PDB file of N, CA and C in Angstrom:
ATOM      1  N   UNK A   1      54.724  46.806  73.203  1.00  0.00           N
ATOM      2  CA  UNK A   1      53.826  47.821  72.685  1.00  0.00           C
ATOM      3  C   UNK A   1      53.285  47.406  71.325  1.00  0.00           C
ATOM      4  N   UNK A   2      54.121  46.761  70.499  1.00  0.00           N
ATOM      5  CA  UNK A   2      53.695  46.327  69.179  1.00  0.00           C
ATOM      6  C   UNK A   2      52.584  45.293  69.234  1.00  0.00           C
ATOM      7  N   UNK A   3      52.664  44.384  70.237  1.00  0.00           N
ATOM      8  CA  UNK A   3      51.627  43.362  70.371  1.00  0.00           C
ATOM      9  C   UNK A   3      50.296  43.984  70.771  1.00  0.00           C
ATOM     10  N   UNK A   4      50.351  45.042  71.606  1.00  0.00           N
ATOM     11  CA  UNK A   4      49.129  45.709  72.030  1.00  0.00           C
ATOM     12  C   UNK A   4      48.452  46.385  70.838  1.00  0.00           C
ATOM     13  N   UNK A   5      49.230  47.039  70.014  1.00  0.00           N
ATOM     14  CA  UNK A   5      48.667  47.695  68.840  1.00  0.00           C
ATOM     15  C   UNK A   5      48.154  46.692  67.817  1.00  0.00           C
ATOM     16  N   UNK A   6      48.744  45.509  67.767  1.00  0.00           N
ATOM     17  CA  UNK A   6      48.305  44.494  66.820  1.00  0.00           C
ATOM     18  C   UNK A   6      46.946  43.912  67.221  1.00  0.00           C
ATOM     19  N   UNK A   7      46.628  43.930  68.512  1.00  0.00           N
ATOM     20  CA  UNK A   7      45.360  43.357  68.948  1.00  0.00           C
ATOM     21  C   UNK A   7      44.193  44.332  68.823  1.00  0.00           C
ATOM     22  N   UNK A   8      44.489  45.625  68.746  1.00  0.00           N
ATOM     23  CA  UNK A   8      43.419  46.625  68.629  1.00  0.00           C
ATOM     24  C   UNK A   8      43.041  46.761  67.162  1.00  0.00           C
ATOM     25  N   UNK A   9      41.782  46.502  66.834  1.00  0.00           N
ATOM     26  CA  UNK A   9      41.387  46.611  65.428  1.00  0.00           C
ATOM     27  C   UNK A   9      41.334  48.073  64.995  1.00  0.00           C
ATOM     28  N   UNK A  10      41.629  48.347  63.753  1.00  0.00           N
ATOM     29  CA  UNK A  10      41.543  49.733  63.290  1.00  0.00           C
ATOM     30  C   UNK A  10      40.089  50.191  63.272  1.00  0.00           C
ATOM     31  N   UNK A  11      39.861  51.468  63.520  1.00  0.00           N
ATOM     32  CA  UNK A  11      38.467  51.934  63.523  1.00  0.00           C
ATOM     33  C   UNK A  11      37.877  51.877  62.129  1.00  0.00           C
ATOM     34  N   UNK A  12      36.610  51.509  62.066  1.00  0.00           N
ATOM     35  CA  UNK A  12      35.962  51.455  60.763  1.00  0.00           C
ATOM     36  C   UNK A  12      35.518  52.862  60.374  1.00  0.00           C
ATOM     37  N   UNK A  13      35.539  53.118  59.098  1.00  0.00           N
ATOM     38  CA  UNK A  13      35.158  54.424  58.583  1.00  0.00           C
ATOM     39  C   UNK A  13      33.643  54.503  58.554  1.00  0.00           C
ATOM     40  N   UNK A  14      33.085  55.507  59.220  1.00  0.00           N
ATOM     41  CA  UNK A  14      31.636  55.638  59.252  1.00  0.00           C
ATOM     42  C   UNK A  14      31.218  57.048  59.633  1.00  0.00           C
ATOM     43  N   UNK A  15      29.944  57.194  59.850  1.00  0.00           N
ATOM     44  CA  UNK A  15      29.362  58.492  60.185  1.00  0.00           C
ATOM     45  C   UNK A  15      29.947  59.059  61.468  1.00  0.00           C
ATOM     46  N   UNK A  16      30.230  58.212  62.407  1.00  0.00           N
ATOM     47  CA  UNK A  16      30.764  58.654  63.687  1.00  0.00           C
ATOM     48  C   UNK A  16      32.104  59.361  63.519  1.00  0.00           C
ATOM     49  N   UNK A  17      32.973  58.812  62.712  1.00  0.00           N
ATOM     50  CA  UNK A  17      34.292  59.404  62.517  1.00  0.00           C
ATOM     51  C   UNK A  17      34.231  60.629  61.609  1.00  0.00           C
ATOM     52  N   UNK A  18      33.294  60.639  60.687  1.00  0.00           N
ATOM     53  CA  UNK A  18      33.091  61.837  59.870  1.00  0.00           C
ATOM     54  C   UNK A  18      32.647  62.985  60.768  1.00  0.00           C
ATOM     55  N   UNK A  19      31.743  62.703  61.702  1.00  0.00           N
ATOM     56  CA  UNK A  19      31.266  63.736  62.608  1.00  0.00           C
ATOM     57  C   UNK A  19      32.383  64.234  63.522  1.00  0.00           C
ATOM     58  N   UNK A  20      33.267  63.348  63.947  1.00  0.00           N
ATOM     59  CA  UNK A  20      34.391  63.783  64.774  1.00  0.00           C
ATOM     60  C   UNK A  20      35.310  64.734  64.008  1.00  0.00           C
ATOM     61  N   UNK A  21      35.617  64.393  62.755  1.00  0.00           N
ATOM     62  CA  UNK A  21      36.468  65.259  61.946  1.00  0.00           C
ATOM     63  C   UNK A  21      35.782  66.587  61.649  1.00  0.00           C
ATOM     64  N   UNK A  22      34.496  66.543  61.351  1.00  0.00           N
ATOM     65  CA  UNK A  22      33.743  67.777  61.122  1.00  0.00           C
ATOM     66  C   UNK A  22      33.702  68.645  62.365  1.00  0.00           C
ATOM     67  N   UNK A  23      33.501  68.029  63.504  1.00  0.00           N
ATOM     68  CA  UNK A  23      33.445  68.773  64.752  1.00  0.00           C
ATOM     69  C   UNK A  23      34.776  69.480  65.024  1.00  0.00           C
ATOM     70  N   UNK A  24      35.867  68.772  64.837  1.00  0.00           N
ATOM     71  CA  UNK A  24      37.182  69.386  65.042  1.00  0.00           C
ATOM     72  C   UNK A  24      37.459  70.500  64.051  1.00  0.00           C
ATOM     73  N   UNK A  25      37.169  70.247  62.781  1.00  0.00           N
ATOM     74  CA  UNK A  25      37.417  71.259  61.755  1.00  0.00           C
ATOM     75  C   UNK A  25      36.543  72.489  61.922  1.00  0.00           C
ATOM     76  N   UNK A  26      35.262  72.277  62.200  1.00  0.00           N
ATOM     77  CA  UNK A  26      34.361  73.414  62.391  1.00  0.00           C
ATOM     78  C   UNK A  26      34.699  74.213  63.643  1.00  0.00           C
ATOM     79  N   UNK A  27      35.158  73.545  64.682  1.00  0.00           N
ATOM     80  CA  UNK A  27      35.546  74.252  65.901  1.00  0.00           C
ATOM     81  C   UNK A  27      36.726  75.173  65.633  1.00  0.00           C
ATOM     82  N   UNK A  28      37.715  74.669  64.928  1.00  0.00           N
ATOM     83  CA  UNK A  28      38.881  75.492  64.603  1.00  0.00           C
ATOM     84  C   UNK A  28      38.484  76.639  63.682  1.00  0.00           C
ATOM     85  N   UNK A  29      37.676  76.351  62.683  1.00  0.00           N
ATOM     86  CA  UNK A  29      37.241  77.376  61.737  1.00  0.00           C
ATOM     87  C   UNK A  29      36.407  78.449  62.441  1.00  0.00           C
ATOM     88  N   UNK A  30      35.525  78.023  63.340  1.00  0.00           N
ATOM     89  CA  UNK A  30      34.699  78.969  64.094  1.00  0.00           C
ATOM     90  C   UNK A  30      35.565  79.864  64.981  1.00  0.00           C
ATOM     91  N   UNK A  31      36.548  79.271  65.641  1.00  0.00           N
ATOM     92  CA  UNK A  31      37.441  80.048  66.500  1.00  0.00           C
ATOM     93  C   UNK A  31      38.197  81.097  65.686  1.00  0.00           C
ATOM     94  N   UNK A  32      38.741  80.681  64.554  1.00  0.00           N
ATOM     95  CA  UNK A  32      39.490  81.630  63.726  1.00  0.00           C
ATOM     96  C   UNK A  32      38.587  82.726  63.164  1.00  0.00           C
ATOM     97  N   UNK A  33      37.381  82.384  62.746  1.00  0.00           N
ATOM     98  CA  UNK A  33      36.460  83.381  62.200  1.00  0.00           C
ATOM     99  C   UNK A  33      36.015  84.365  63.272  1.00  0.00           C
ATOM    100  N   UNK A  34      35.776  83.876  64.484  1.00  0.00           N
ATOM    101  CA  UNK A  34      35.355  84.795  65.546  1.00  0.00           C
ATOM    102  C   UNK A  34      36.504  85.700  65.982  1.00  0.00           C
ATOM    103  N   UNK A  35      37.729  85.169  65.972  1.00  0.00           N
ATOM    104  CA  UNK A  35      38.891  86.015  66.277  1.00  0.00           C
ATOM    105  C   UNK A  35      39.084  87.068  65.196  1.00  0.00           C
ATOM    106  N   UNK A  36      38.842  86.705  63.950  1.00  0.00           N
ATOM    107  CA  UNK A  36      38.944  87.653  62.850  1.00  0.00           C
ATOM    108  C   UNK A  36      37.901  88.755  63.003  1.00  0.00           C
ATOM    109  N   UNK A  37      36.702  88.391  63.427  1.00  0.00           N
ATOM    110  CA  UNK A  37      35.650  89.380  63.650  1.00  0.00           C
ATOM    111  C   UNK A  37      36.020  90.322  64.791  1.00  0.00           C
ATOM    112  N   UNK A  38      36.643  89.791  65.827  1.00  0.00           N
ATOM    113  CA  UNK A  38      37.095  90.637  66.936  1.00  0.00           C
ATOM    114  C   UNK A  38      38.186  91.595  66.480  1.00  0.00           C
ATOM    115  N   UNK A  39      39.081  91.134  65.592  1.00  0.00           N
ATOM    116  CA  UNK A  39      40.154  91.994  65.099  1.00  0.00           C
ATOM    117  C   UNK A  39      39.610  93.109  64.200  1.00  0.00           C
ATOM    118  N   UNK A  40      38.545  92.794  63.451  1.00  0.00           N
ATOM    119  CA  UNK A  40      37.960  93.826  62.599  1.00  0.00           C
ATOM    120  C   UNK A  40      37.342  94.946  63.427  1.00  0.00           C
ATOM    121  N   UNK A  41      36.792  94.591  64.560  1.00  0.00           N
ATOM    122  CA  UNK A  41      36.099  95.564  65.399  1.00  0.00           C
ATOM    123  C   UNK A  41      36.626  95.413  66.823  1.00  0.00           C
ATOM    124  N   UNK A  42      37.719  96.134  67.107  1.00  0.00           N
ATOM    125  CA  UNK A  42      38.405  95.939  68.388  1.00  0.00           C
ATOM    126  C   UNK A  42      37.578  96.417  69.566  1.00  0.00           C
ATOM    127  N   UNK A  43      36.929  97.551  69.438  1.00  0.00           N
ATOM    128  CA  UNK A  43      36.098  97.990  70.563  1.00  0.00           C
ATOM    129  C   UNK A  43      34.743  97.290  70.489  1.00  0.00           C
ATOM    130  N   UNK A  44      34.210  96.994  71.638  1.00  0.00           N
ATOM    131  CA  UNK A  44      32.931  96.281  71.667  1.00  0.00           C
ATOM    132  C   UNK A  44      31.834  97.188  71.134  1.00  0.00           C
ATOM    133  N   UNK A  45      31.095  96.674  70.186  1.00  0.00           N
ATOM    134  CA  UNK A  45      30.033  97.465  69.573  1.00  0.00           C
ATOM    135  C   UNK A  45      28.758  97.328  70.381  1.00  0.00           C
ATOM    136  N   UNK A  46      28.310  98.432  70.888  1.00  0.00           N
ATOM    137  CA  UNK A  46      27.016  98.473  71.557  1.00  0.00           C
ATOM    138  C   UNK A  46      25.999  98.919  70.525  1.00  0.00           C
ATOM    139  N   UNK A  47      24.719  98.665  70.747  1.00  0.00           N
ATOM    140  CA  UNK A  47      23.712  99.025  69.732  1.00  0.00           C
ATOM    141  C   UNK A  47      23.770 100.491  69.307  1.00  0.00           C
ATOM    142  N   UNK A  48      24.015 101.406  70.238  1.00  0.00           N
ATOM    143  CA  UNK A  48      24.085 102.823  69.875  1.00  0.00           C
ATOM    144  C   UNK A  48      25.324 103.107  69.023  1.00  0.00           C
ATOM    145  N   UNK A  49      26.447 102.453  69.361  1.00  0.00           N
ATOM    146  CA  UNK A  49      27.658 102.649  68.571  1.00  0.00           C
ATOM    147  C   UNK A  49      27.497 102.051  67.182  1.00  0.00           C
ATOM    148  N   UNK A  50      26.815 100.911  67.090  1.00  0.00           N
ATOM    149  CA  UNK A  50      26.609 100.278  65.797  1.00  0.00           C
ATOM    150  C   UNK A  50      25.757 101.152  64.892  1.00  0.00           C
ATOM    151  N   UNK A  51      24.765 101.812  65.471  1.00  0.00           N
ATOM    152  CA  UNK A  51      23.896 102.691  64.682  1.00  0.00           C
ATOM    153  C   UNK A  51      24.662 103.887  64.136  1.00  0.00           C
ATOM    154  N   UNK A  52      25.725 104.294  64.822  1.00  0.00           N
ATOM    155  CA  UNK A  52      26.502 105.460  64.391  1.00  0.00           C
ATOM    156  C   UNK A  52      27.604 105.114  63.393  1.00  0.00           C
ATOM    157  N   UNK A  53      27.803 103.839  63.115  1.00  0.00           N
ATOM    158  CA  UNK A  53      28.847 103.441  62.159  1.00  0.00           C
ATOM    159  C   UNK A  53      28.461 103.860  60.746  1.00  0.00           C
ATOM    160  N   UNK A  54      29.459 104.149  59.916  1.00  0.00           N
ATOM    161  CA  UNK A  54      29.154 104.409  58.501  1.00  0.00           C
ATOM    162  C   UNK A  54      28.596 103.153  57.836  1.00  0.00           C
ATOM    163  N   UNK A  55      27.867 103.337  56.758  1.00  0.00           N
ATOM    164  CA  UNK A  55      27.191 102.217  56.081  1.00  0.00           C
ATOM    165  C   UNK A  55      28.179 101.165  55.599  1.00  0.00           C
ATOM    166  N   UNK A  56      29.347 101.576  55.147  1.00  0.00           N
ATOM    167  CA  UNK A  56      30.338 100.619  54.649  1.00  0.00           C
ATOM    168  C   UNK A  56      30.863  99.723  55.770  1.00  0.00           C
ATOM    169  N   UNK A  57      31.121 100.315  56.937  1.00  0.00           N
ATOM    170  CA  UNK A  57      31.594  99.517  58.077  1.00  0.00           C
ATOM    171  C   UNK A  57      30.494  98.593  58.599  1.00  0.00           C
ATOM    172  N   UNK A  58      29.254  99.059  58.569  1.00  0.00           N
ATOM    173  CA  UNK A  58      28.137  98.196  58.971  1.00  0.00           C
ATOM    174  C   UNK A  58      28.046  96.979  58.063  1.00  0.00           C
ATOM    175  N   UNK A  59      28.197  97.200  56.763  1.00  0.00           N
ATOM    176  CA  UNK A  59      28.111  96.096  55.804  1.00  0.00           C
ATOM    177  C   UNK A  59      29.237  95.094  56.031  1.00  0.00           C
ATOM    178  N   UNK A  60      30.439  95.578  56.297  1.00  0.00           N
ATOM    179  CA  UNK A  60      31.576  94.682  56.549  1.00  0.00           C
ATOM    180  C   UNK A  60      31.331  93.873  57.814  1.00  0.00           C
ATOM    181  N   UNK A  61      30.883  94.543  58.864  1.00  0.00           N
ATOM    182  CA  UNK A  61      30.629  93.844  60.114  1.00  0.00           C
ATOM    183  C   UNK A  61      29.526  92.809  59.966  1.00  0.00           C
ATOM    184  N   UNK A  62      28.424  93.180  59.314  1.00  0.00           N
ATOM    185  CA  UNK A  62      27.305  92.248  59.153  1.00  0.00           C
ATOM    186  C   UNK A  62      27.672  91.055  58.284  1.00  0.00           C
ATOM    187  N   UNK A  63      28.491  91.266  57.256  1.00  0.00           N
ATOM    188  CA  UNK A  63      28.931  90.148  56.418  1.00  0.00           C
ATOM    189  C   UNK A  63      29.803  89.187  57.217  1.00  0.00           C
ATOM    190  N   UNK A  64      30.704  89.727  58.024  1.00  0.00           N
ATOM    191  CA  UNK A  64      31.559  88.875  58.854  1.00  0.00           C
ATOM    192  C   UNK A  64      30.751  88.166  59.933  1.00  0.00           C
ATOM    193  N   UNK A  65      29.818  88.892  60.524  1.00  0.00           N
ATOM    194  CA  UNK A  65      28.995  88.293  61.581  1.00  0.00           C
ATOM    195  C   UNK A  65      28.087  87.206  61.011  1.00  0.00           C
ATOM    196  N   UNK A  66      27.590  87.374  59.804  1.00  0.00           N
ATOM    197  CA  UNK A  66      26.740  86.365  59.169  1.00  0.00           C
ATOM    198  C   UNK A  66      27.532  85.076  58.942  1.00  0.00           C
ATOM    199  N   UNK A  67      28.787  85.224  58.536  1.00  0.00           N
ATOM    200  CA  UNK A  67      29.648  84.059  58.311  1.00  0.00           C
ATOM    201  C   UNK A  67      29.875  83.308  59.623  1.00  0.00           C
ATOM    202  N   UNK A  68      30.148  84.047  60.687  1.00  0.00           N
ATOM    203  CA  UNK A  68      30.371  83.420  61.995  1.00  0.00           C
ATOM    204  C   UNK A  68      29.092  82.753  62.496  1.00  0.00           C
ATOM    205  N   UNK A  69      27.953  83.373  62.251  1.00  0.00           N
ATOM    206  CA  UNK A  69      26.676  82.791  62.679  1.00  0.00           C
ATOM    207  C   UNK A  69      26.393  81.483  61.940  1.00  0.00           C
ATOM    208  N   UNK A  70      26.677  81.431  60.644  1.00  0.00           N
ATOM    209  CA  UNK A  70      26.483  80.183  59.892  1.00  0.00           C
ATOM    210  C   UNK A  70      27.407  79.087  60.401  1.00  0.00           C
ATOM    211  N   UNK A  71      28.637  79.447  60.728  1.00  0.00           N
ATOM    212  CA  UNK A  71      29.557  78.458  61.286  1.00  0.00           C
ATOM    213  C   UNK A  71      29.068  77.954  62.636  1.00  0.00           C
ATOM    214  N   UNK A  72      28.532  78.844  63.451  1.00  0.00           N
ATOM    215  CA  UNK A  72      28.021  78.445  64.759  1.00  0.00           C
ATOM    216  C   UNK A  72      26.850  77.474  64.608  1.00  0.00           C
ATOM    217  N   UNK A  73      25.949  77.755  63.667  1.00  0.00           N
ATOM    218  CA  UNK A  73      24.812  76.857  63.451  1.00  0.00           C
ATOM    219  C   UNK A  73      25.266  75.496  62.914  1.00  0.00           C
ATOM    220  N   UNK A  74      26.256  75.494  62.027  1.00  0.00           N
ATOM    221  CA  UNK A  74      26.792  74.222  61.529  1.00  0.00           C
ATOM    222  C   UNK A  74      27.458  73.438  62.651  1.00  0.00           C
ATOM    223  N   UNK A  75      28.145  74.137  63.536  1.00  0.00           N
ATOM    224  CA  UNK A  75      28.791  73.478  64.670  1.00  0.00           C
ATOM    225  C   UNK A  75      27.752  72.879  65.610  1.00  0.00           C
ATOM    226  N   UNK A  76      26.666  73.584  65.851  1.00  0.00           N
ATOM    227  CA  UNK A  76      25.593  73.062  66.705  1.00  0.00           C
ATOM    228  C   UNK A  76      24.966  71.818  66.070  1.00  0.00           C
ATOM    229  N   UNK A  77      24.706  71.871  64.767  1.00  0.00           N
ATOM    230  CA  UNK A  77      24.131  70.708  64.080  1.00  0.00           C
ATOM    231  C   UNK A  77      25.080  69.518  64.141  1.00  0.00           C
ATOM    232  N   UNK A  78      26.361  69.772  63.994  1.00  0.00           N
ATOM    233  CA  UNK A  78      27.351  68.700  64.056  1.00  0.00           C
ATOM    234  C   UNK A  78      27.398  68.078  65.452  1.00  0.00           C
ATOM    235  N   UNK A  79      27.294  68.905  66.481  1.00  0.00           N
ATOM    236  CA  UNK A  79      27.296  68.381  67.852  1.00  0.00           C
ATOM    237  C   UNK A  79      26.049  67.534  68.110  1.00  0.00           C
ATOM    238  N   UNK A  80      24.895  67.993  67.636  1.00  0.00           N
ATOM    239  CA  UNK A  80      23.653  67.241  67.858  1.00  0.00           C
ATOM    240  C   UNK A  80      23.684  65.902  67.113  1.00  0.00           C
ATOM    241  N   UNK A  81      24.035  65.925  65.828  1.00  0.00           N
ATOM    242  CA  UNK A  81      24.069  64.681  65.048  1.00  0.00           C
ATOM    243  C   UNK A  81      25.159  63.748  65.571  1.00  0.00           C
ATOM    244  N   UNK A  82      26.313  64.308  65.919  1.00  0.00           N
ATOM    245  CA  UNK A  82      27.384  63.490  66.486  1.00  0.00           C
ATOM    246  C   UNK A  82      26.994  62.891  67.822  1.00  0.00           C
ATOM    247  N   UNK A  83      26.268  63.655  68.644  1.00  0.00           N
ATOM    248  CA  UNK A  83      25.796  63.131  69.932  1.00  0.00           C
ATOM    249  C   UNK A  83      24.840  61.971  69.748  1.00  0.00           C
ATOM    250  N   UNK A  84      23.917  62.108  68.782  1.00  0.00           N
ATOM    251  CA  UNK A  84      23.005  61.003  68.493  1.00  0.00           C
ATOM    252  C   UNK A  84      23.762  59.784  67.975  1.00  0.00           C
ATOM    253  N   UNK A  85      24.770  60.011  67.150  1.00  0.00           N
ATOM    254  CA  UNK A  85      25.559  58.893  66.620  1.00  0.00           C
ATOM    255  C   UNK A  85      26.308  58.185  67.746  1.00  0.00           C
ATOM    256  N   UNK A  86      26.928  58.958  68.644  1.00  0.00           N
ATOM    257  CA  UNK A  86      27.625  58.345  69.782  1.00  0.00           C
ATOM    258  C   UNK A  86      26.657  57.586  70.683  1.00  0.00           C
ATOM    259  N   UNK A  87      25.486  58.162  70.919  1.00  0.00           N
ATOM    260  CA  UNK A  87      24.503  57.483  71.766  1.00  0.00           C
ATOM    261  C   UNK A  87      24.038  56.180  71.121  1.00  0.00           C
ATOM    262  N   UNK A  88      23.830  56.187  69.808  1.00  0.00           N
ATOM    263  CA  UNK A  88      23.386  54.976  69.117  1.00  0.00           C
ATOM    264  C   UNK A  88      24.457  53.893  69.172  1.00  0.00           C
ATOM    265  N   UNK A  89      25.708  54.281  68.969  1.00  0.00           N
ATOM    266  CA  UNK A  89      26.803  53.301  69.027  1.00  0.00           C
ATOM    267  C   UNK A  89      26.954  52.765  70.444  1.00  0.00           C
ATOM    268  N   UNK A  90      26.870  53.647  71.430  1.00  0.00           N
ATOM    269  CA  UNK A  90      26.989  53.215  72.823  1.00  0.00           C
ATOM    270  C   UNK A  90      25.868  52.250  73.194  1.00  0.00           C
ATOM    271  N   UNK A  91      24.638  52.594  72.797  1.00  0.00           N
ATOM    272  CA  UNK A  91      23.497  51.726  73.085  1.00  0.00           C
ATOM    273  C   UNK A  91      23.658  50.368  72.408  1.00  0.00           C
ATOM    274  N   UNK A  92      24.130  50.385  71.166  1.00  0.00           N
ATOM    275  CA  UNK A  92      24.298  49.122  70.448  1.00  0.00           C
ATOM    276  C   UNK A  92      25.429  48.291  71.039  1.00  0.00           C
ATOM    277  N   UNK A  93      26.497  48.941  71.506  1.00  0.00           N
ATOM    278  CA  UNK A  93      27.602  48.191  72.120  1.00  0.00           C
ATOM    279  C   UNK A  93      27.196  47.578  73.456  1.00  0.00           C
ATOM    280  N   UNK A  94      26.385  48.265  74.228  1.00  0.00           N
ATOM    281  CA  UNK A  94      26.008  47.761  75.554  1.00  0.00           C
ATOM    282  C   UNK A  94      24.913  46.695  75.498  1.00  0.00           C
ATOM    283  N   UNK A  95      23.946  46.896  74.613  1.00  0.00           N
ATOM    284  CA  UNK A  95      22.824  45.940  74.549  1.00  0.00           C
ATOM    285  C   UNK A  95      22.328  45.866  73.100  1.00  0.00           C
ATOM    286  N   UNK A  96      22.960  45.038  72.290  1.00  0.00           N
ATOM    287  CA  UNK A  96      22.606  44.992  70.864  1.00  0.00           C
ATOM    288  C   UNK A  96      21.174  44.535  70.589  1.00  0.00           C
ATOM    289  N   UNK A  97      20.658  43.599  71.360  1.00  0.00           N
ATOM    290  CA  UNK A  97      19.302  43.128  71.076  1.00  0.00           C
ATOM    291  C   UNK A  97      18.267  44.209  71.368  1.00  0.00           C
ATOM    292  N   UNK A  98      18.465  44.977  72.413  1.00  0.00           N
ATOM    293  CA  UNK A  98      17.566  46.079  72.739  1.00  0.00           C
ATOM    294  C   UNK A  98      17.687  47.197  71.707  1.00  0.00           C
ATOM    295  N   UNK A  99      18.914  47.485  71.280  1.00  0.00           N
ATOM    296  CA  UNK A  99      19.146  48.562  70.320  1.00  0.00           C
ATOM    297  C   UNK A  99      18.573  48.244  68.949  1.00  0.00           C
ATOM    298  N   UNK A 100      18.533  46.971  68.602  1.00  0.00           N
ATOM    299  CA  UNK A 100      17.996  46.587  67.290  1.00  0.00           C
ATOM    300  C   UNK A 100      16.508  46.885  67.169  1.00  0.00           C
ATOM    301  N   UNK A 101      15.816  47.040  68.286  1.00  0.00           N
ATOM    302  CA  UNK A 101      14.406  47.412  68.237  1.00  0.00           C
ATOM    303  C   UNK A 101      14.223  48.875  67.852  1.00  0.00           C
ATOM    304  N   UNK A 102      15.223  49.705  68.151  1.00  0.00           N
ATOM    305  CA  UNK A 102      15.100  51.147  67.933  1.00  0.00           C
ATOM    306  C   UNK A 102      15.925  51.667  66.763  1.00  0.00           C
ATOM    307  N   UNK A 103      17.005  50.976  66.437  1.00  0.00           N
ATOM    308  CA  UNK A 103      17.904  51.454  65.389  1.00  0.00           C
ATOM    309  C   UNK A 103      17.704  50.644  64.117  1.00  0.00           C
ATOM    310  N   UNK A 104      17.602  51.344  63.019  1.00  0.00           N
ATOM    311  CA  UNK A 104      17.433  50.679  61.731  1.00  0.00           C
ATOM    312  C   UNK A 104      18.748  50.004  61.322  1.00  0.00           C
ATOM    313  N   UNK A 105      18.665  48.888  60.592  1.00  0.00           N
ATOM    314  CA  UNK A 105      19.889  48.203  60.167  1.00  0.00           C
ATOM    315  C   UNK A 105      20.788  49.073  59.283  1.00  0.00           C
ATOM    316  N   UNK A 106      20.199  49.897  58.415  1.00  0.00           N
ATOM    317  CA  UNK A 106      21.024  50.751  57.558  1.00  0.00           C
ATOM    318  C   UNK A 106      21.774  51.797  58.386  1.00  0.00           C
ATOM    319  N   UNK A 107      21.176  52.245  59.503  1.00  0.00           N
ATOM    320  CA  UNK A 107      21.838  53.213  60.364  1.00  0.00           C
ATOM    321  C   UNK A 107      23.025  52.574  61.072  1.00  0.00           C
ATOM    322  N   UNK A 108      22.859  51.344  61.504  1.00  0.00           N
ATOM    323  CA  UNK A 108      23.955  50.644  62.147  1.00  0.00           C
ATOM    324  C   UNK A 108      25.117  50.404  61.198  1.00  0.00           C
ATOM    325  N   UNK A 109      24.796  50.187  59.919  1.00  0.00           N
ATOM    326  CA  UNK A 109      25.866  49.964  58.922  1.00  0.00           C
ATOM    327  C   UNK A 109      26.699  51.225  58.694  1.00  0.00           C
ATOM    328  N   UNK A 110      26.065  52.403  58.694  1.00  0.00           N
ATOM    329  CA  UNK A 110      26.835  53.608  58.405  1.00  0.00           C
ATOM    330  C   UNK A 110      27.478  54.224  59.635  1.00  0.00           C
ATOM    331  N   UNK A 111      27.093  53.758  60.826  1.00  0.00           N
ATOM    332  CA  UNK A 111      27.729  54.273  62.035  1.00  0.00           C
ATOM    333  C   UNK A 111      29.083  53.626  62.181  1.00  0.00           C
TER     334      UNK A 111
END
């Protein structure tokens, strides 16, 4: 087993691995924030029920929902950028001469 691990090079630090860590962290954070929002408002809020809430409860719900929405948008951006990074690395690994026509050298360095 030691010889097998010695032959595998360590992964280089780059945009691809940053995106993986961000994706994992944001997923966990999003899950916890959405569970917290569910705990704050146990019964499902329908539009008519939301309109009948007191102003203070509406403000609390909207503040929590805004936080969850920002996390969701960050998670979507991370998935899109990470997907492009994986596609660029895959394309470069399979056919480097073809990929060099489409990928800038500075992009290849940071991936």
